[in-house]
PDB file of N, CA and C in Angstrom:
ATOM      1  N   MET A   1      94.080  -2.555  30.539  1.00  0.00           N
ATOM      2  CA  MET A   1      94.034  -1.282  31.355  1.00  0.00           C
ATOM      3  C   MET A   1      93.768   0.044  30.597  1.00  0.00           C
ATOM      4  N   ILE A   2      93.145   1.320  31.311  1.00  0.00           N
ATOM      5  CA  ILE A   2      92.969   2.271  30.234  1.00  0.00           C
ATOM      6  C   ILE A   2      93.275   3.680  31.262  1.00  0.00           C
ATOM      7  N   LYS A   3      94.479   4.181  30.970  1.00  0.00           N
ATOM      8  CA  LYS A   3      95.074   5.140  31.531  1.00  0.00           C
ATOM      9  C   LYS A   3      93.817   6.630  31.252  1.00  0.00           C
ATOM     10  N   VAL A   4      93.265   7.131  32.256  1.00  0.00           N
ATOM     11  CA  VAL A   4      92.180   7.977  31.851  1.00  0.00           C
ATOM     12  C   VAL A   4      92.915   8.910  31.375  1.00  0.00           C
ATOM     13  N   LYS A   5      94.089   9.861  31.424  1.00  0.00           N
ATOM     14  CA  LYS A   5      94.751  10.898  31.395  1.00  0.00           C
ATOM     15  C   LYS A   5      95.350  10.843  29.990  1.00  0.00           C
ATOM     16  N   GLN A   6      95.346   9.567  29.162  1.00  0.00           N
ATOM     17  CA  GLN A   6      95.798   9.506  27.947  1.00  0.00           C
ATOM     18  C   GLN A   6      94.442   9.409  27.383  1.00  0.00           C
ATOM     19  N   LEU A   7      93.061   9.469  27.814  1.00  0.00           N
ATOM     20  CA  LEU A   7      92.017   9.019  26.601  1.00  0.00           C
ATOM     21  C   LEU A   7      91.638  10.736  25.637  1.00  0.00           C
ATOM     22  N   PRO A   8      91.115  10.787  24.269  1.00  0.00           N
ATOM     23  CA  PRO A   8      91.180  12.024  24.245  1.00  0.00           C
ATOM     24  C   PRO A   8      90.318  12.817  24.867  1.00  0.00           C
ATOM     25  N   GLN A   9      90.052  14.262  25.233  1.00  0.00           N
ATOM     26  CA  GLN A   9      89.536  14.406  25.982  1.00  0.00           C
ATOM     27  C   GLN A   9      88.516  15.882  24.774  1.00  0.00           C
ATOM     28  N   LYS A  10      87.260  16.019  25.154  1.00  0.00           N
ATOM     29  CA  LYS A  10      86.323  16.312  24.074  1.00  0.00           C
ATOM     30  C   LYS A  10      86.016  17.469  24.844  1.00  0.00           C
ATOM     31  N   GLU A  11      85.493  19.090  24.239  1.00  0.00           N
ATOM     32  CA  GLU A  11      84.777  20.243  25.037  1.00  0.00           C
ATOM     33  C   GLU A  11      83.216  19.694  24.592  1.00  0.00           C
ATOM     34  N   ILE A  12      82.484  19.578  25.735  1.00  0.00           N
ATOM     35  CA  ILE A  12      81.255  18.996  25.111  1.00  0.00           C
ATOM     36  C   ILE A  12      80.318  20.384  25.425  1.00  0.00           C
ATOM     37  N   LYS A  13      80.686  21.256  26.337  1.00  0.00           N
ATOM     38  CA  LYS A  13      79.790  22.471  26.512  1.00  0.00           C
ATOM     39  C   LYS A  13      80.634  23.380  27.057  1.00  0.00           C
ATOM     40  N   GLU A  14      80.915  24.784  26.976  1.00  0.00           N
ATOM     41  CA  GLU A  14      81.562  25.625  27.322  1.00  0.00           C
ATOM     42  C   GLU A  14      82.300  25.152  28.358  1.00  0.00           C
ATOM     43  N   GLY A  15      83.246  25.350  28.955  1.00  0.00           N
ATOM     44  CA  GLY A  15      83.536  24.853  30.220  1.00  0.00           C
ATOM     45  C   GLY A  15      83.922  23.509  30.985  1.00  0.00           C
ATOM     46  N   TYR A  16      83.508  22.478  29.877  1.00  0.00           N
ATOM     47  CA  TYR A  16      82.985  21.205  30.249  1.00  0.00           C
ATOM     48  C   TYR A  16      83.708  20.541  29.252  1.00  0.00           C
ATOM     49  N   ASN A  17      84.947  19.753  30.029  1.00  0.00           N
ATOM     50  CA  ASN A  17      86.208  18.938  29.281  1.00  0.00           C
ATOM     51  C   ASN A  17      85.768  17.359  29.681  1.00  0.00           C
ATOM     52  N   ALA A  18      85.676  16.875  28.651  1.00  0.00           N
ATOM     53  CA  ALA A  18      85.125  15.161  29.238  1.00  0.00           C
ATOM     54  C   ALA A  18      86.334  14.352  28.423  1.00  0.00           C
ATOM     55  N   ARG A  19      86.553  13.139  29.145  1.00  0.00           N
ATOM     56  CA  ARG A  19      87.177  11.772  28.580  1.00  0.00           C
ATOM     57  C   ARG A  19      86.063  10.914  29.147  1.00  0.00           C
ATOM     58  N   PHE A  20      86.167  10.294  27.876  1.00  0.00           N
ATOM     59  CA  PHE A  20      84.938   8.994  27.698  1.00  0.00           C
ATOM     60  C   PHE A  20      85.172   7.393  27.820  1.00  0.00           C
ATOM     61  N   VAL A  21      84.781   6.292  28.388  1.00  0.00           N
ATOM     62  CA  VAL A  21      85.150   4.889  28.598  1.00  0.00           C
ATOM     63  C   VAL A  21      83.301   4.873  28.202  1.00  0.00           C
ATOM     64  N   HIS A  22      83.312   3.919  27.074  1.00  0.00           N
ATOM     65  CA  HIS A  22      82.036   3.372  26.640  1.00  0.00           C
ATOM     66  C   HIS A  22      82.368   1.790  27.281  1.00  0.00           C
ATOM     67  N   THR A  23      81.325   1.222  27.496  1.00  0.00           N
ATOM     68  CA  THR A  23      80.874  -0.401  27.648  1.00  0.00           C
ATOM     69  C   THR A  23      79.719  -0.460  26.875  1.00  0.00           C
ATOM     70  N   LEU A  24      79.258  -1.702  27.020  1.00  0.00           N
ATOM     71  CA  LEU A  24      78.409  -1.999  26.245  1.00  0.00           C
ATOM     72  C   LEU A  24      77.049  -1.619  27.108  1.00  0.00           C
ATOM     73  N   TYR A  25      77.037  -1.464  28.171  1.00  0.00           N
ATOM     74  CA  TYR A  25      75.681  -0.783  28.976  1.00  0.00           C
ATOM     75  C   TYR A  25      76.155   0.518  29.561  1.00  0.00           C
ATOM     76  N   THR A  26      76.818   0.909  29.782  1.00  0.00           N
ATOM     77  CA  THR A  26      77.407   2.253  30.686  1.00  0.00           C
ATOM     78  C   THR A  26      78.395   3.287  29.491  1.00  0.00           C
ATOM     79  N   THR A  27      78.045   4.719  30.209  1.00  0.00           N
ATOM     80  CA  THR A  27      79.496   5.531  29.739  1.00  0.00           C
ATOM     81  C   THR A  27      79.959   6.062  30.563  1.00  0.00           C
ATOM     82  N   LEU A  28      81.401   6.091  31.204  1.00  0.00           N
ATOM     83  CA  LEU A  28      82.077   6.696  32.469  1.00  0.00           C
ATOM     84  C   LEU A  28      82.329   7.836  31.404  1.00  0.00           C
ATOM     85  N   GLY A  29      82.223   8.935  32.547  1.00  0.00           N
ATOM     86  CA  GLY A  29      82.852  10.344  31.849  1.00  0.00           C
ATOM     87  C   GLY A  29      83.628  10.789  33.174  1.00  0.00           C
ATOM     88  N   PHE A  30      84.698  11.364  32.416  1.00  0.00           N
ATOM     89  CA  PHE A  30      85.557  12.040  33.664  1.00  0.00           C
ATOM     90  C   PHE A  30      85.764  13.407  32.958  1.00  0.00           C
ATOM     91  N   TRP A  31      85.392  14.301  34.340  1.00  0.00           N
ATOM     92  CA  TRP A  31      85.079  15.686  33.485  1.00  0.00           C
ATOM     93  C   TRP A  31      86.230  16.383  34.377  1.00  0.00           C
ATOM     94  N   GLU A  32      86.306  17.852  33.997  1.00  0.00           N
ATOM     95  CA  GLU A  32      87.235  18.874  34.249  1.00  0.00           C
ATOM     96  C   GLU A  32      86.473  20.004  34.120  1.00  0.00           C
ATOM     97  N   VAL A  33      85.791  20.708  34.679  1.00  0.00           N
ATOM     98  CA  VAL A  33      84.751  21.672  34.612  1.00  0.00           C
ATOM     99  C   VAL A  33      85.250  23.033  35.191  1.00  0.00           C
ATOM    100  N   GLU A  34      85.598  24.214  34.637  1.00  0.00           N
ATOM    101  CA  GLU A  34      85.900  25.283  34.614  1.00  0.00           C
ATOM    102  C   GLU A  34      85.142  26.183  35.638  1.00  0.00           C
ATOM    103  N   ILE A  35      85.777  26.791  36.729  1.00  0.00           N
ATOM    104  CA  ILE A  35      84.899  27.789  37.828  1.00  0.00           C
ATOM    105  C   ILE A  35      84.278  28.541  36.602  1.00  0.00           C
ATOM    106  N   GLY A  36      82.816  28.395  37.269  1.00  0.00           N
ATOM    107  CA  GLY A  36      81.986  29.469  36.419  1.00  0.00           C
ATOM    108  C   GLY A  36      81.105  29.029  35.729  1.00  0.00           C
ATOM    109  N   ALA A  37      81.501  27.548  34.970  1.00  0.00           N
ATOM    110  CA  ALA A  37      81.100  26.977  33.847  1.00  0.00           C
ATOM    111  C   ALA A  37      79.442  26.330  34.356  1.00  0.00           C
ATOM    112  N   VAL A  38      78.544  26.707  33.468  1.00  0.00           N
ATOM    113  CA  VAL A  38      76.903  26.417  33.512  1.00  0.00           C
ATOM    114  C   VAL A  38      76.338  25.246  33.079  1.00  0.00           C
ATOM    115  N   LEU A  39      75.749  24.351  33.592  1.00  0.00           N
ATOM    116  CA  LEU A  39      75.221  22.953  32.770  1.00  0.00           C
ATOM    117  C   LEU A  39      73.729  23.447  32.899  1.00  0.00           C
ATOM    118  N   PRO A  40      73.288  24.322  31.611  1.00  0.00           N
ATOM    119  CA  PRO A  40      71.745  24.642  31.497  1.00  0.00           C
ATOM    120  C   PRO A  40      70.739  23.089  31.716  1.00  0.00           C
ATOM    121  N   MET A  41      69.926  23.267  32.800  1.00  0.00           N
ATOM    122  CA  MET A  41      68.745  22.408  33.006  1.00  0.00           C
ATOM    123  C   MET A  41      68.285  21.378  32.182  1.00  0.00           C
ATOM    124  N   HIS A  42      68.366  20.068  31.772  1.00  0.00           N
ATOM    125  CA  HIS A  42      68.224  19.208  31.064  1.00  0.00           C
ATOM    126  C   HIS A  42      67.796  18.094  31.418  1.00  0.00           C
ATOM    127  N   SER A  43      67.716  16.873  30.902  1.00  0.00           N
ATOM    128  CA  SER A  43      66.971  15.772  31.346  1.00  0.00           C
ATOM    129  C   SER A  43      67.256  14.352  29.633  1.00  0.00           C
ATOM    130  N   HIS A  44      67.801  13.486  30.424  1.00  0.00           N
ATOM    131  CA  HIS A  44      67.784  12.305  29.052  1.00  0.00           C
ATOM    132  C   HIS A  44      67.028  11.029  30.375  1.00  0.00           C
ATOM    133  N   ILE A  45      67.166  10.104  28.933  1.00  0.00           N
ATOM    134  CA  ILE A  45      66.764   8.851  29.664  1.00  0.00           C
ATOM    135  C   ILE A  45      67.784   7.786  30.446  1.00  0.00           C
ATOM    136  N   HIS A  46      68.503   8.060  30.727  1.00  0.00           N
ATOM    137  CA  HIS A  46      69.891   7.913  31.272  1.00  0.00           C
ATOM    138  C   HIS A  46      69.567   8.036  32.564  1.00  0.00           C
ATOM    139  N   GLU A  47      70.219   6.861  33.701  1.00  0.00           N
ATOM    140  CA  GLU A  47      70.229   6.975  34.798  1.00  0.00           C
ATOM    141  C   GLU A  47      71.494   7.655  35.148  1.00  0.00           C
ATOM    142  N   GLN A  48      72.072   8.321  35.959  1.00  0.00           N
ATOM    143  CA  GLN A  48      73.431   8.977  35.832  1.00  0.00           C
ATOM    144  C   GLN A  48      73.757   8.998  37.555  1.00  0.00           C
ATOM    145  N   SER A  49      74.886   8.884  37.485  1.00  0.00           N
ATOM    146  CA  SER A  49      75.860   8.884  38.806  1.00  0.00           C
ATOM    147  C   SER A  49      76.374   9.832  39.000  1.00  0.00           C
ATOM    148  N   THR A  50      76.630  10.715  40.005  1.00  0.00           N
ATOM    149  CA  THR A  50      78.145  11.934  39.649  1.00  0.00           C
ATOM    150  C   THR A  50      78.091  11.912  41.231  1.00  0.00           C
ATOM    151  N   GLN A  51      79.990  11.609  40.642  1.00  0.00           N
ATOM    152  CA  GLN A  51      80.891  12.107  42.353  1.00  0.00           C
ATOM    153  C   GLN A  51      81.705  13.270  41.853  1.00  0.00           C
ATOM    154  N   VAL A  52      81.790  14.034  42.914  1.00  0.00           N
ATOM    155  CA  VAL A  52      82.789  15.178  43.013  1.00  0.00           C
ATOM    156  C   VAL A  52      83.945  14.773  43.104  1.00  0.00           C
ATOM    157  N   MET A  53      84.743  14.832  42.733  1.00  0.00           N
ATOM    158  CA  MET A  53      86.045  14.042  42.688  1.00  0.00           C
ATOM    159  C   MET A  53      87.402  15.371  43.566  1.00  0.00           C
ATOM    160  N   GLU A  54      87.184  16.523  43.165  1.00  0.00           N
ATOM    161  CA  GLU A  54      87.441  17.846  43.300  1.00  0.00           C
ATOM    162  C   GLU A  54      86.666  18.824  43.135  1.00  0.00           C
ATOM    163  N   GLY A  55      86.790  19.847  43.890  1.00  0.00           N
ATOM    164  CA  GLY A  55      86.028  21.180  43.792  1.00  0.00           C
ATOM    165  C   GLY A  55      84.438  21.017  44.500  1.00  0.00           C
ATOM    166  N   LYS A  56      84.185  22.060  44.273  1.00  0.00           N
ATOM    167  CA  LYS A  56      82.682  22.644  44.456  1.00  0.00           C
ATOM    168  C   LYS A  56      81.702  22.633  43.661  1.00  0.00           C
ATOM    169  N   PHE A  57      80.426  21.882  43.660  1.00  0.00           N
ATOM    170  CA  PHE A  57      79.484  21.892  42.549  1.00  0.00           C
ATOM    171  C   PHE A  57      78.192  22.202  42.652  1.00  0.00           C
ATOM    172  N   GLU A  58      77.611  23.272  42.496  1.00  0.00           N
ATOM    173  CA  GLU A  58      76.056  23.446  43.028  1.00  0.00           C
ATOM    174  C   GLU A  58      75.353  22.938  41.463  1.00  0.00           C
ATOM    175  N   MET A  59      74.530  21.933  42.130  1.00  0.00           N
ATOM    176  CA  MET A  59      73.489  21.291  41.327  1.00  0.00           C
ATOM    177  C   MET A  59      72.115  21.073  41.736  1.00  0.00           C
ATOM    178  N   THR A  60      70.846  21.050  40.691  1.00  0.00           N
ATOM    179  CA  THR A  60      69.991  21.108  40.988  1.00  0.00           C
ATOM    180  C   THR A  60      69.187  20.166  40.080  1.00  0.00           C
ATOM    181  N   ILE A  61      68.607  19.144  41.317  1.00  0.00           N
ATOM    182  CA  ILE A  61      68.084  18.147  40.706  1.00  0.00           C
ATOM    183  C   ILE A  61      66.449  18.494  40.852  1.00  0.00           C
ATOM    184  N   GLY A  62      65.886  18.478  39.923  1.00  0.00           N
ATOM    185  CA  GLY A  62      64.175  18.457  40.316  1.00  0.00           C
ATOM    186  C   GLY A  62      63.889  19.544  40.419  1.00  0.00           C
ATOM    187  N   ASP A  63      63.251  20.145  41.881  1.00  0.00           N
ATOM    188  CA  ASP A  63      63.457  21.446  42.236  1.00  0.00           C
ATOM    189  C   ASP A  63      64.356  21.499  44.150  1.00  0.00           C
ATOM    190  N   ASP A  64      65.294  20.499  43.851  1.00  0.00           N
ATOM    191  CA  ASP A  64      66.457  20.526  45.061  1.00  0.00           C
ATOM    192  C   ASP A  64      67.672  20.914  44.264  1.00  0.00           C
ATOM    193  N   THR A  65      68.155  22.110  45.161  1.00  0.00           N
ATOM    194  CA  THR A  65      70.027  22.240  44.835  1.00  0.00           C
ATOM    195  C   THR A  65      70.495  22.506  45.863  1.00  0.00           C
ATOM    196  N   LYS A  66      71.750  22.068  45.508  1.00  0.00           N
ATOM    197  CA  LYS A  66      72.140  20.960  46.914  1.00  0.00           C
ATOM    198  C   LYS A  66      74.019  21.739  46.188  1.00  0.00           C
ATOM    199  N   ILE A  67      74.751  21.865  47.109  1.00  0.00           N
ATOM    200  CA  ILE A  67      76.623  22.101  46.511  1.00  0.00           C
ATOM    201  C   ILE A  67      76.956  21.084  47.389  1.00  0.00           C
ATOM    202  N   TYR A  68      77.747  20.236  46.278  1.00  0.00           N
ATOM    203  CA  TYR A  68      78.333  19.231  46.413  1.00  0.00           C
ATOM    204  C   TYR A  68      79.919  19.388  46.377  1.00  0.00           C
ATOM    205  N   GLU A  69      80.381  18.635  47.517  1.00  0.00           N
ATOM    206  CA  GLU A  69      81.648  18.602  47.740  1.00  0.00           C
ATOM    207  C   GLU A  69      82.773  17.459  47.068  1.00  0.00           C
ATOM    208  N   LYS A  70      83.954  17.058  47.365  1.00  0.00           N
ATOM    209  CA  LYS A  70      84.525  16.211  47.116  1.00  0.00           C
ATOM    210  C   LYS A  70      84.212  15.137  47.725  1.00  0.00           C
ATOM    211  N   GLY A  71      84.092  13.863  47.308  1.00  0.00           N
ATOM    212  CA  GLY A  71      83.672  12.887  47.864  1.00  0.00           C
ATOM    213  C   GLY A  71      81.922  12.584  47.806  1.00  0.00           C
ATOM    214  N   ASP A  72      81.379  13.409  47.859  1.00  0.00           N
ATOM    215  CA  ASP A  72      79.813  13.708  47.456  1.00  0.00           C
ATOM    216  C   ASP A  72      79.503  12.769  46.326  1.00  0.00           C
ATOM    217  N   LEU A  73      78.420  12.253  46.466  1.00  0.00           N
ATOM    218  CA  LEU A  73      77.603  11.308  45.393  1.00  0.00           C
ATOM    219  C   LEU A  73      76.313  11.539  45.194  1.00  0.00           C
ATOM    220  N   VAL A  74      75.997  11.584  44.202  1.00  0.00           N
ATOM    221  CA  VAL A  74      74.021  12.127  44.075  1.00  0.00           C
ATOM    222  C   VAL A  74      73.880  10.784  42.629  1.00  0.00           C
ATOM    223  N   VAL A  75      72.566  10.330  42.614  1.00  0.00           N
ATOM    224  CA  VAL A  75      72.205   9.444  41.618  1.00  0.00           C
ATOM    225  C   VAL A  75      70.808  10.313  41.119  1.00  0.00           C
ATOM    226  N   ILE A  76      70.955  10.393  40.066  1.00  0.00           N
ATOM    227  CA  ILE A  76      69.769  10.991  38.961  1.00  0.00           C
ATOM    228  C   ILE A  76      69.096  10.272  38.377  1.00  0.00           C
ATOM    229  N   PRO A  77      67.862  10.320  38.324  1.00  0.00           N
ATOM    230  CA  PRO A  77      67.246   9.487  37.659  1.00  0.00           C
ATOM    231  C   PRO A  77      66.951   9.643  36.422  1.00  0.00           C
ATOM    232  N   PRO A  78      66.250   8.371  35.825  1.00  0.00           N
ATOM    233  CA  PRO A  78      66.040   8.826  34.244  1.00  0.00           C
ATOM    234  C   PRO A  78      65.027  10.194  34.034  1.00  0.00           C
ATOM    235  N   ASN A  79      65.184  10.938  33.110  1.00  0.00           N
ATOM    236  CA  ASN A  79      63.871  11.728  32.704  1.00  0.00           C
ATOM    237  C   ASN A  79      63.981  12.879  33.941  1.00  0.00           C
ATOM    238  N   VAL A  80      64.888  13.115  34.714  1.00  0.00           N
ATOM    239  CA  VAL A  80      64.877  14.047  35.601  1.00  0.00           C
ATOM    240  C   VAL A  80      65.347  15.409  35.386  1.00  0.00           C
ATOM    241  N   MET A  81      64.874  16.542  35.285  1.00  0.00           N
ATOM    242  CA  MET A  81      65.734  17.682  35.111  1.00  0.00           C
ATOM    243  C   MET A  81      66.759  17.822  36.372  1.00  0.00           C
ATOM    244  N   HIS A  82      67.813  18.142  35.448  1.00  0.00           N
ATOM    245  CA  HIS A  82      68.893  18.268  36.228  1.00  0.00           C
ATOM    246  C   HIS A  82      69.903  19.850  35.888  1.00  0.00           C
ATOM    247  N   GLY A  83      70.712  20.168  36.340  1.00  0.00           N
ATOM    248  CA  GLY A  83      71.385  21.217  35.887  1.00  0.00           C
ATOM    249  C   GLY A  83      72.519  21.953  36.832  1.00  0.00           C
ATOM    250  N   GLY A  84      73.702  22.494  36.794  1.00  0.00           N
ATOM    251  CA  GLY A  84      74.553  23.325  37.683  1.00  0.00           C
ATOM    252  C   GLY A  84      75.582  24.163  37.541  1.00  0.00           C
ATOM    253  N   VAL A  85      76.215  24.067  38.225  1.00  0.00           N
ATOM    254  CA  VAL A  85      77.167  25.446  38.045  1.00  0.00           C
ATOM    255  C   VAL A  85      78.817  25.253  39.035  1.00  0.00           C
ATOM    256  N   ALA A  86      79.632  25.426  38.319  1.00  0.00           N
ATOM    257  CA  ALA A  86      80.994  24.862  38.927  1.00  0.00           C
ATOM    258  C   ALA A  86      81.373  26.202  39.985  1.00  0.00           C
ATOM    259  N   LEU A  87      81.281  25.752  40.766  1.00  0.00           N
ATOM    260  CA  LEU A  87      81.729  27.083  42.099  1.00  0.00           C
ATOM    261  C   LEU A  87      83.244  27.289  42.010  1.00  0.00           C
ATOM    262  N   THR A  88      84.085  26.258  41.718  1.00  0.00           N
ATOM    263  CA  THR A  88      85.542  26.037  41.649  1.00  0.00           C
ATOM    264  C   THR A  88      85.652  25.111  40.493  1.00  0.00           C
ATOM    265  N   ASN A  89      86.819  25.370  39.862  1.00  0.00           N
ATOM    266  CA  ASN A  89      87.142  24.190  39.081  1.00  0.00           C
ATOM    267  C   ASN A  89      87.231  22.821  39.559  1.00  0.00           C
ATOM    268  N   CYS A  90      86.421  22.275  38.711  1.00  0.00           N
ATOM    269  CA  CYS A  90      85.805  20.820  39.508  1.00  0.00           C
ATOM    270  C   CYS A  90      86.485  19.691  38.636  1.00  0.00           C
ATOM    271  N   GLN A  91      86.495  18.682  39.365  1.00  0.00           N
ATOM    272  CA  GLN A  91      86.642  16.986  38.661  1.00  0.00           C
ATOM    273  C   GLN A  91      85.858  16.369  38.895  1.00  0.00           C
ATOM    274  N   LEU A  92      84.837  15.941  37.977  1.00  0.00           N
ATOM    275  CA  LEU A  92      83.681  15.051  38.147  1.00  0.00           C
ATOM    276  C   LEU A  92      83.651  13.729  37.679  1.00  0.00           C
ATOM    277  N   PHE A  93      82.852  12.907  37.898  1.00  0.00           N
ATOM    278  CA  PHE A  93      82.841  11.404  37.373  1.00  0.00           C
ATOM    279  C   PHE A  93      81.372  10.881  37.307  1.00  0.00           C
ATOM    280  N   ASP A  94      81.105  10.906  36.163  1.00  0.00           N
ATOM    281  CA  ASP A  94      79.649  10.522  35.787  1.00  0.00           C
ATOM    282  C   ASP A  94      79.439   8.858  35.335  1.00  0.00           C
ATOM    283  N   VAL A  95      78.770   8.193  35.341  1.00  0.00           N
ATOM    284  CA  VAL A  95      78.561   7.057  35.126  1.00  0.00           C
ATOM    285  C   VAL A  95      76.984   7.206  34.830  1.00  0.00           C
ATOM    286  N   PHE A  96      76.607   6.723  33.528  1.00  0.00           N
ATOM    287  CA  PHE A  96      75.192   7.026  32.819  1.00  0.00           C
ATOM    288  C   PHE A  96      75.199   5.162  32.258  1.00  0.00           C
ATOM    289  N   SER A  97      73.855   5.107  32.459  1.00  0.00           N
ATOM    290  CA  SER A  97      72.961   3.953  32.187  1.00  0.00           C
ATOM    291  C   SER A  97      72.291   3.759  31.239  1.00  0.00           C
ATOM    292  N   PRO A  98      71.566   3.732  30.297  1.00  0.00           N
ATOM    293  CA  PRO A  98      72.879   3.316  29.412  1.00  0.00           C
ATOM    294  C   PRO A  98      73.573   4.069  28.790  1.00  0.00           C
ATOM    295  N   ALA A  99      74.173   3.179  28.062  1.00  0.00           N
ATOM    296  CA  ALA A  99      75.354   4.082  27.403  1.00  0.00           C
ATOM    297  C   ALA A  99      74.876   5.180  26.603  1.00  0.00           C
ATOM    298  N   ARG A 100      75.716   6.393  26.751  1.00  0.00           N
ATOM    299  CA  ARG A 100      75.355   7.537  25.855  1.00  0.00           C
ATOM    300  C   ARG A 100      75.720   7.738  24.601  1.00  0.00           C
ATOM    301  N   GLU A 101      75.077   7.209  23.793  1.00  0.00           N
ATOM    302  CA  GLU A 101      75.068   7.075  22.105  1.00  0.00           C
ATOM    303  C   GLU A 101      75.569   8.588  21.735  1.00  0.00           C
ATOM    304  N   ASP A 102      75.029   9.796  22.280  1.00  0.00           N
ATOM    305  CA  ASP A 102      75.401  10.991  21.924  1.00  0.00           C
ATOM    306  C   ASP A 102      76.897  11.497  22.420  1.00  0.00           C
ATOM    307  N   TYR A 103      77.761  10.783  23.096  1.00  0.00           N
ATOM    308  CA  TYR A 103      78.699  11.097  23.627  1.00  0.00           C
ATOM    309  C   TYR A 103      79.872   9.906  22.780  1.00  0.00           C
ATOM    310  N   GLY A 104      79.258   9.302  21.797  1.00  0.00           N
ATOM    311  CA  GLY A 104      80.138   8.814  20.734  1.00  0.00           C
ATOM    312  C   GLY A 104      80.441   7.224  21.119  1.00  0.00           C
ATOM    313  N   ALA A 105      79.355   6.676  22.057  1.00  0.00           N
ATOM    314  CA  ALA A 105      79.418   5.028  22.489  1.00  0.00           C
ATOM    315  C   ALA A 105      79.109   4.410  21.175  1.00  0.00           C
TER     316      ALA A 105
END
């Protein structure tokens, strides 16, 4: 059993603090994001699923910008540009496949 709140937390980008669980094929990311924190547009080889657990997060995927709220889920295909900004303090849950070696897998 894993207690998420007991996992070490890392600041990955200013205002983006995460706890990670790495499996053979995936990385799970539990994010606490500060209001106004910006995630610059970027892409990576990983498929990414993001669920908003708390708050409101504006995300751009390709040319499409939407506001995601508690309970919303979005799937980002590999190599697609995406980024966002926290409109409130947020808690986000990400699943990446394959595992994110840059996050310590």
